[in-house]
Protein backbone atom coordinates (compact mmCIF):
# COMPACT_ATOMS: atom_id res chain seq x y z
CA MET A 1 122.18 -5.73 -97.86
CA SER A 2 122.29 -4.02 -94.48
CA PHE A 3 119.32 -2.33 -92.84
CA THR A 4 120.96 1.10 -93.27
CA ILE A 5 121.49 0.63 -97.00
CA ARG A 6 117.92 -0.63 -97.47
CA THR A 7 116.58 2.35 -95.51
CA LEU A 8 118.64 4.79 -97.57
CA ALA A 9 117.52 3.11 -100.80
CA ALA A 10 113.86 3.28 -99.77
CA THR A 11 114.20 6.94 -98.74
CA ALA A 12 115.83 7.80 -102.06
CA ALA A 13 113.09 5.99 -103.99
CA ILE A 14 110.39 7.92 -102.13
CA ALA A 15 112.19 11.23 -102.65
CA LEU A 16 112.57 10.56 -106.36
CA ALA A 17 108.91 9.53 -106.70
CA MET A 18 107.56 12.75 -105.14
CA PRO A 19 108.53 15.07 -108.02
CA ALA A 20 107.02 12.55 -110.45
CA PHE A 21 103.69 12.79 -108.61
CA ALA A 22 103.79 16.59 -108.74
CA GLN A 23 104.37 16.38 -112.49
CA SER A 24 100.94 14.77 -112.83
CA ILE A 25 99.34 18.09 -111.82
CA GLU A 26 99.27 20.75 -114.55
CA VAL A 27 97.97 24.31 -114.19
CA GLN A 28 96.50 25.83 -117.33
CA ASP A 29 95.43 29.37 -118.24
CA PRO A 30 95.91 31.06 -114.85
CA TYR A 31 94.97 34.70 -114.34
CA ALA A 32 94.23 37.00 -111.40
CA ARG A 33 92.18 40.13 -110.99
CA SER A 34 90.83 42.65 -108.53
CA ALA A 35 87.89 45.03 -108.88
CA SER A 36 89.94 48.24 -108.78
CA PRO A 37 93.41 49.62 -107.97
CA THR A 38 92.24 50.33 -104.39
CA ALA A 39 90.62 46.92 -103.81
CA LYS A 40 91.74 45.02 -100.73
CA THR A 41 90.89 41.66 -102.28
CA GLY A 42 91.60 39.82 -105.49
CA ALA A 43 91.11 36.35 -106.90
CA ALA A 44 93.03 33.86 -109.00
CA PHE A 45 91.49 31.54 -111.55
CA MET A 46 92.90 28.59 -113.48
CA HIS A 47 92.27 25.06 -114.64
CA ILE A 48 94.10 22.34 -112.70
CA VAL A 49 94.51 19.10 -114.65
CA ASN A 50 95.33 15.85 -112.88
CA THR A 51 96.84 13.19 -115.14
CA GLY A 52 97.88 11.03 -112.17
CA GLU A 53 96.34 9.60 -109.02
CA ALA A 54 93.44 11.21 -107.14
CA ASP A 55 94.48 14.20 -105.06
CA ARG A 56 93.01 17.19 -103.25
CA LEU A 57 93.88 20.89 -103.42
CA ILE A 58 94.00 21.67 -99.70
CA SER A 59 95.27 25.26 -99.54
CA ALA A 60 96.92 28.16 -101.31
CA ALA A 61 99.34 30.90 -100.26
CA SER A 62 100.77 34.04 -101.83
CA PRO A 63 103.07 36.88 -100.78
CA ALA A 64 100.58 39.16 -102.60
CA ALA A 65 98.02 38.83 -99.78
CA GLU A 66 97.85 38.59 -96.02
CA LEU A 67 95.29 35.76 -96.22
CA VAL A 68 94.67 33.30 -99.06
CA GLN A 69 91.75 30.88 -99.04
CA LEU A 70 89.99 28.47 -101.36
CA HIS A 71 86.48 29.77 -102.04
CA THR A 72 83.37 28.82 -103.94
CA HIS A 73 79.94 30.31 -104.45
CA MET A 74 76.84 28.83 -102.84
CA GLU A 75 73.21 29.86 -102.99
CA SER A 76 72.08 31.31 -99.67
CA GLY A 77 68.52 30.03 -100.03
CA ASP A 78 67.03 33.30 -101.24
CA GLY A 79 68.51 33.10 -104.72
CA VAL A 80 71.58 35.16 -103.84
CA MET A 81 75.00 33.61 -104.40
CA GLN A 82 77.57 34.10 -101.63
CA MET A 83 81.28 33.33 -101.48
CA VAL A 84 82.26 30.78 -98.84
CA HIS A 85 85.61 29.47 -97.64
CA VAL A 86 86.01 25.76 -98.47
CA GLU A 87 88.17 24.59 -95.56
CA GLU A 88 88.39 20.99 -96.79
CA GLY A 89 89.68 22.07 -100.19
CA PHE A 90 88.74 20.74 -103.61
CA ASP A 91 88.81 17.10 -104.70
CA LEU A 92 90.87 16.41 -107.81
CA PRO A 93 89.98 12.92 -109.05
CA ALA A 94 92.41 11.02 -111.27
CA GLY A 95 92.14 12.12 -114.88
CA GLU A 96 89.92 15.10 -114.02
CA THR A 97 90.20 18.89 -114.09
CA ILE A 98 89.26 21.43 -111.40
CA ARG A 99 88.01 24.62 -113.01
CA LEU A 100 88.73 27.61 -110.77
CA GLU A 101 86.50 30.18 -112.45
CA ARG A 102 84.70 33.42 -111.81
CA GLY A 103 81.36 32.65 -110.21
CA GLY A 104 82.60 29.29 -108.92
CA LYS A 105 85.64 27.81 -107.21
CA HIS A 106 88.61 30.20 -106.96
CA VAL A 107 91.63 31.26 -104.92
CA MET A 108 90.69 34.31 -102.84
CA LEU A 109 93.44 36.83 -102.03
CA MET A 110 92.51 39.01 -99.03
CA GLY A 111 94.48 41.90 -97.64
CA LEU A 112 96.45 42.58 -100.82
CA THR A 113 99.98 43.70 -100.04
CA GLU A 114 100.03 45.95 -103.15
CA PRO A 115 97.57 46.84 -105.92
CA MET A 116 97.00 44.25 -108.63
CA GLU A 117 98.01 46.04 -111.82
CA GLN A 118 97.33 44.92 -115.38
CA GLY A 119 100.28 42.88 -116.69
CA ALA A 120 101.83 42.22 -113.27
CA THR A 121 102.43 38.67 -112.01
CA VAL A 122 101.30 37.20 -108.71
CA SER A 123 103.02 34.13 -107.27
CA VAL A 124 100.56 31.59 -105.84
CA THR A 125 101.58 28.36 -104.12
CA LEU A 126 98.99 25.62 -104.44
CA THR A 127 99.27 22.86 -101.83
CA PHE A 128 97.98 19.41 -102.71
CA GLU A 129 97.43 16.57 -100.26
CA ASN A 130 99.68 14.18 -102.22
CA ALA A 131 101.54 16.22 -104.84
CA GLY A 132 102.70 18.83 -102.31
CA ASP A 133 103.40 22.44 -103.28
CA ILE A 134 103.22 23.76 -106.83
CA VAL A 135 104.18 27.41 -107.39
CA VAL A 136 102.29 29.16 -110.18
CA ASP A 137 103.14 32.58 -111.62
CA VAL A 138 99.71 34.06 -112.27
CA PRO A 139 99.43 37.03 -114.66
CA VAL A 140 97.10 39.84 -113.61
CA ASP A 141 94.48 40.36 -116.32
CA LEU A 142 91.96 43.02 -115.34
CA GLU A 143 90.47 43.09 -118.84
CA ARG A 144 89.47 39.44 -119.14
CA MET A 145 85.73 38.92 -119.14
CA PRO A 146 83.97 35.91 -117.64
CA GLY A 147 83.17 34.46 -121.07
CA ASP A 148 86.86 34.47 -122.05
CA MET A 149 87.19 31.14 -120.23
CA ASP A 150 83.53 30.21 -120.69
CA HIS A 151 82.77 30.91 -117.02
CA GLY A 152 79.13 31.80 -117.33
CA ALA A 153 77.22 34.77 -115.98
CA MET A 154 77.96 36.55 -112.71
CA GLU A 155 74.59 38.20 -112.04
CA GLY A 156 73.06 37.82 -108.60
CA MET A 157 76.27 37.24 -106.66
CA ASP A 158 76.80 38.84 -103.26
CA HIS A 159 80.46 39.69 -102.65
CA GLY A 160 80.01 42.18 -99.85
CA SER A 161 81.13 45.81 -100.14
CA ASP A 162 82.41 47.27 -103.41
CA ASP A 163 86.08 47.12 -102.44
CA THR A 164 85.87 43.35 -101.93
CA LYS A 165 84.46 42.45 -105.36
CA ALA A 166 87.42 40.63 -106.87
CA GLU A 167 85.42 38.86 -109.47
């Protein structure tokens, strides 16, 4: 077998294996919301299940916002919770689930390009270190309450000014 044929065979095997890896990542129960029709920010929540090898969610993007970041909440030391950008992303160990929930890890949509209206859909591209890009159509659900996904309470969280409270 010539070098060229072996190279082509190896390239084809790698290309065929990539979609299989992406299939090991499953997004469940996604939804998005904003605080009001005039809000400049929104957030997307979901459960990301990894049935394959360890991976990492490293970024997110959406045409619905000028800037999309992975965020979480951290205590500032005085008992107040603050949202922070998690530049390194979120680990997704093999066989585990990342819970992107209100009051915790989430996809933050900043500089919304249009209002988030009940029943609309927002396209979000999740980028994983190994699995690559997975596009998720996220329904906007402004009526869902934190307990609807067993997220816990939201009291004591500092999200800045009123028009930035996406959660």
